[in-house]
Protein backbone atom coordinates (compact mmCIF):
# COMPACT_ATOMS: atom_id res chain seq x y z
CA MET A 1 103.29 95.91 98.43
CA ALA A 2 102.83 96.09 102.31
CA VAL A 3 103.41 98.22 104.83
CA LEU A 4 105.77 96.07 107.72
CA ASP A 5 106.57 97.49 110.66
CA GLY A 6 106.08 101.01 109.61
CA ARG A 7 108.20 100.03 106.19
CA ILE A 8 107.00 100.10 102.54
CA ARG A 9 107.97 96.86 101.27
CA VAL A 10 107.44 96.11 97.35
CA GLY A 11 107.70 92.41 96.46
CA LEU A 12 107.34 90.36 99.26
CA GLU A 13 108.70 86.74 100.06
CA PRO A 14 106.61 84.06 100.23
CA ALA A 15 107.40 84.39 104.06
CA GLU A 16 106.13 87.89 104.53
CA LEU A 17 103.31 87.41 102.42
CA GLU A 18 102.58 84.58 104.97
CA ALA A 19 103.13 86.20 107.70
CA LEU A 20 100.82 89.22 106.77
CA ALA A 21 98.25 86.63 105.81
CA VAL A 22 97.70 85.71 109.50
CA ALA A 23 98.93 88.85 111.33
CA ARG A 24 96.25 90.02 114.00
CA GLU A 25 96.79 93.34 113.61
CA VAL A 26 96.96 94.38 110.39
CA ALA A 27 95.80 97.96 109.65
CA LYS A 28 93.83 98.70 105.68
CA LEU A 29 96.26 101.41 104.76
CA SER A 30 95.22 103.94 102.06
CA ARG A 31 96.24 107.47 101.44
CA ALA A 32 94.96 109.12 104.36
CA ASP A 33 96.53 106.57 106.81
CA LEU A 34 100.28 105.86 104.99
CA ALA A 35 102.12 108.73 106.26
CA VAL A 36 101.01 107.74 109.65
CA ALA A 37 101.50 104.08 109.59
CA LEU A 38 105.07 104.75 108.15
CA VAL A 39 105.82 107.07 111.23
CA ALA A 40 103.90 104.75 113.80
CA GLY A 41 105.95 101.78 112.87
CA TRP A 42 102.55 99.65 112.13
CA THR A 43 101.50 96.65 109.34
CA GLY A 44 99.32 96.88 107.21
CA ALA A 45 97.60 96.24 103.40
CA THR A 46 97.28 98.51 101.09
CA THR A 47 94.11 99.37 99.47
CA VAL A 48 94.34 100.56 95.21
CA ALA A 49 95.18 104.19 96.36
CA ALA A 50 98.26 103.41 98.82
CA THR A 51 99.55 100.43 96.27
CA MET A 52 99.36 103.81 93.53
CA ILE A 53 101.37 105.77 96.26
CA CYS A 54 104.01 103.27 96.75
CA ALA A 55 104.69 101.72 93.41
CA ARG A 56 104.99 105.94 92.05
CA LEU A 57 107.72 106.13 94.43
CA ALA A 58 109.15 102.56 93.67
CA GLY A 59 109.05 103.94 89.86
CA ILE A 60 106.75 100.97 89.15
CA GLU A 61 104.14 102.54 85.98
CA VAL A 62 101.37 99.47 86.29
CA PHE A 63 100.20 97.21 88.33
CA ALA A 64 97.22 94.54 88.80
CA THR A 65 94.68 94.43 91.67
CA GLY A 66 91.72 92.47 92.27
CA GLY A 67 89.07 95.40 91.89
CA SER A 68 89.14 99.07 92.52
CA GLY A 69 87.50 100.83 94.62
CA GLY A 70 84.89 103.79 93.46
CA VAL A 71 81.38 105.74 94.73
CA HIS A 72 79.25 103.53 97.10
CA ARG A 73 75.79 102.61 97.10
CA GLY A 74 74.26 105.96 99.01
CA ALA A 75 77.01 108.19 98.57
CA GLU A 76 74.71 110.79 98.03
CA ARG A 77 73.93 110.36 101.88
CA SER A 78 77.12 108.80 103.13
CA PHE A 79 79.64 110.50 100.89
CA ASP A 80 81.32 107.26 101.06
CA VAL A 81 83.89 107.87 98.09
CA SER A 82 86.84 105.71 97.81
CA ALA A 83 90.49 107.22 97.63
CA ASP A 84 91.54 105.47 94.78
CA LEU A 85 89.40 107.51 92.30
CA GLU A 86 91.60 110.20 93.71
CA GLU A 87 94.82 108.92 93.44
CA LEU A 88 93.75 107.61 89.92
CA ALA A 89 93.63 111.12 89.41
CA GLU A 90 96.59 111.95 90.77
CA ALA A 91 99.60 109.08 90.46
CA PRO A 92 100.87 108.50 86.75
CA VAL A 93 100.36 104.88 87.37
CA THR A 94 98.19 102.55 85.25
CA VAL A 95 96.22 100.26 87.23
CA VAL A 96 94.65 97.01 85.71
CA ALA A 97 91.88 95.62 87.49
CA SER A 98 88.76 93.12 86.70
CA GLY A 99 86.53 96.71 86.75
CA ALA A 100 85.46 98.23 89.99
CA LYS A 101 83.85 96.53 92.15
CA ALA A 102 80.47 95.28 91.74
CA ILE A 103 79.07 96.32 95.20
CA LEU A 104 79.60 100.07 93.89
CA ASP A 105 77.36 102.33 92.27
CA LEU A 106 79.29 102.17 88.66
CA PRO A 107 77.24 104.64 87.00
CA LYS A 108 78.52 107.28 89.79
CA THR A 109 82.00 105.59 89.86
CA LEU A 110 82.31 105.90 85.78
CA GLU A 111 80.75 109.72 86.05
CA VAL A 112 83.62 110.97 88.98
CA LEU A 113 86.08 109.37 87.22
CA GLU A 114 85.70 110.89 84.03
CA THR A 115 85.12 114.25 85.94
CA LYS A 116 88.92 113.82 87.48
CA GLY A 117 89.99 113.35 84.12
CA VAL A 118 90.74 109.30 84.55
CA PRO A 119 90.52 106.79 81.41
CA VAL A 120 88.35 103.99 81.95
CA ILE A 121 89.64 101.67 79.32
CA ALA A 122 88.09 97.63 78.82
CA TYR A 123 90.46 95.45 77.30
CA ARG A 124 89.42 93.36 74.51
CA GLN A 125 85.10 94.55 75.05
CA ASP A 126 82.95 97.04 74.75
CA ALA A 127 81.61 96.50 78.58
CA LEU A 128 82.31 97.32 81.41
CA PRO A 129 83.31 94.28 83.70
CA ALA A 130 82.47 94.39 87.36
CA PHE A 131 84.72 92.47 89.14
CA TRP A 132 83.72 88.63 89.02
CA SER A 133 81.46 89.17 85.72
CA ARG A 134 82.58 90.11 83.04
CA ASP A 135 79.89 92.55 81.51
CA ALA A 136 78.29 95.15 84.35
CA GLY A 137 75.75 96.07 82.42
CA LEU A 138 77.46 99.26 81.74
CA ARG A 139 79.03 100.61 78.44
CA ALA A 140 82.65 101.39 79.50
CA PRO A 141 84.20 104.78 78.14
CA LEU A 142 87.05 103.81 76.33
CA ARG A 143 88.24 100.28 74.53
CA LEU A 144 91.14 99.35 73.49
CA ASP A 145 92.88 95.93 72.39
CA THR A 146 96.19 95.42 73.04
CA PRO A 147 98.68 95.96 75.58
CA GLY A 148 101.03 98.01 73.38
CA GLU A 149 97.80 100.46 72.80
CA ILE A 150 97.47 100.36 76.27
CA ALA A 151 100.94 101.75 77.01
CA SER A 152 100.77 104.24 74.52
CA ALA A 153 98.53 105.40 75.74
CA HIS A 154 99.90 105.76 79.01
CA ARG A 155 102.89 107.17 77.70
CA MET A 156 101.24 109.53 76.07
CA ARG A 157 99.53 110.79 78.90
CA ARG A 158 102.90 111.69 80.15
CA ARG A 159 103.75 113.45 77.16
CA LEU A 160 100.85 115.30 77.08
CA GLY A 161 101.62 116.52 80.95
CA LEU A 162 98.29 115.13 82.20
CA ALA A 163 98.30 114.28 85.70
CA GLY A 164 97.10 110.69 86.78
CA GLY A 165 96.65 107.47 85.65
CA GLN A 166 94.72 105.05 83.86
CA LEU A 167 92.08 102.20 84.79
CA VAL A 168 92.16 99.26 82.52
CA ALA A 169 89.43 97.31 83.38
CA ASN A 170 90.29 93.49 82.06
CA PRO A 171 87.30 91.16 82.58
CA ILE A 172 87.80 87.95 84.31
CA PRO A 173 88.06 85.18 82.30
CA ALA A 174 84.75 83.98 81.22
CA GLU A 175 85.36 80.45 82.54
CA ALA A 176 85.72 81.87 86.21
CA GLU A 177 82.95 84.68 86.00
CA ILE A 178 79.99 85.31 88.03
CA PRO A 179 77.58 86.90 85.83
CA GLY A 180 75.98 89.77 87.35
CA ALA A 181 72.67 88.70 87.09
CA GLU A 182 73.66 85.90 89.35
CA MET A 183 75.21 88.29 91.97
CA ALA A 184 72.67 91.05 91.82
CA PRO A 185 70.18 89.43 94.30
CA HIS A 186 73.20 88.58 96.72
CA ILE A 187 74.54 92.15 96.64
CA GLU A 188 71.33 93.50 97.06
CA THR A 189 70.45 91.25 100.25
């Protein structure tokens, strides 16, 4: 999904994806600027939050992405919290990711998601994955082991009248993992 010349595009042709990849004036679009981008005719790549909005509008209930946003380190001073968390609390879309981005404050991210009523479900493991690491050193709040269970939880939220979606933390395959202990010094630097 993207915005091309002020139009939401769900499903890009290879040529459109290539053009987006090499374009010079591409905005990073989230929930705060999506409407302006459409009115002003911008081209932009969508964050998880904007992708959730576009998915909801298109009737798409599940999508996959690399990593979700969250509470940034030092947010108690900067107030830097991704709009992804707010959209997860509002849009009835299941987002499958390899976890929240490891550069974030993951305990605070989990706390905000819990406060907003967003289930964070680890797929087939108890540990919370963090983007390129299978284990962020935190226990996942919830665990489900089959796609059917995850789909049932998605549908049950709707039946219960609960707002928002759910975040499914699907760990990166073991052979592609960069362990958290190896990444931590790079993140700190």
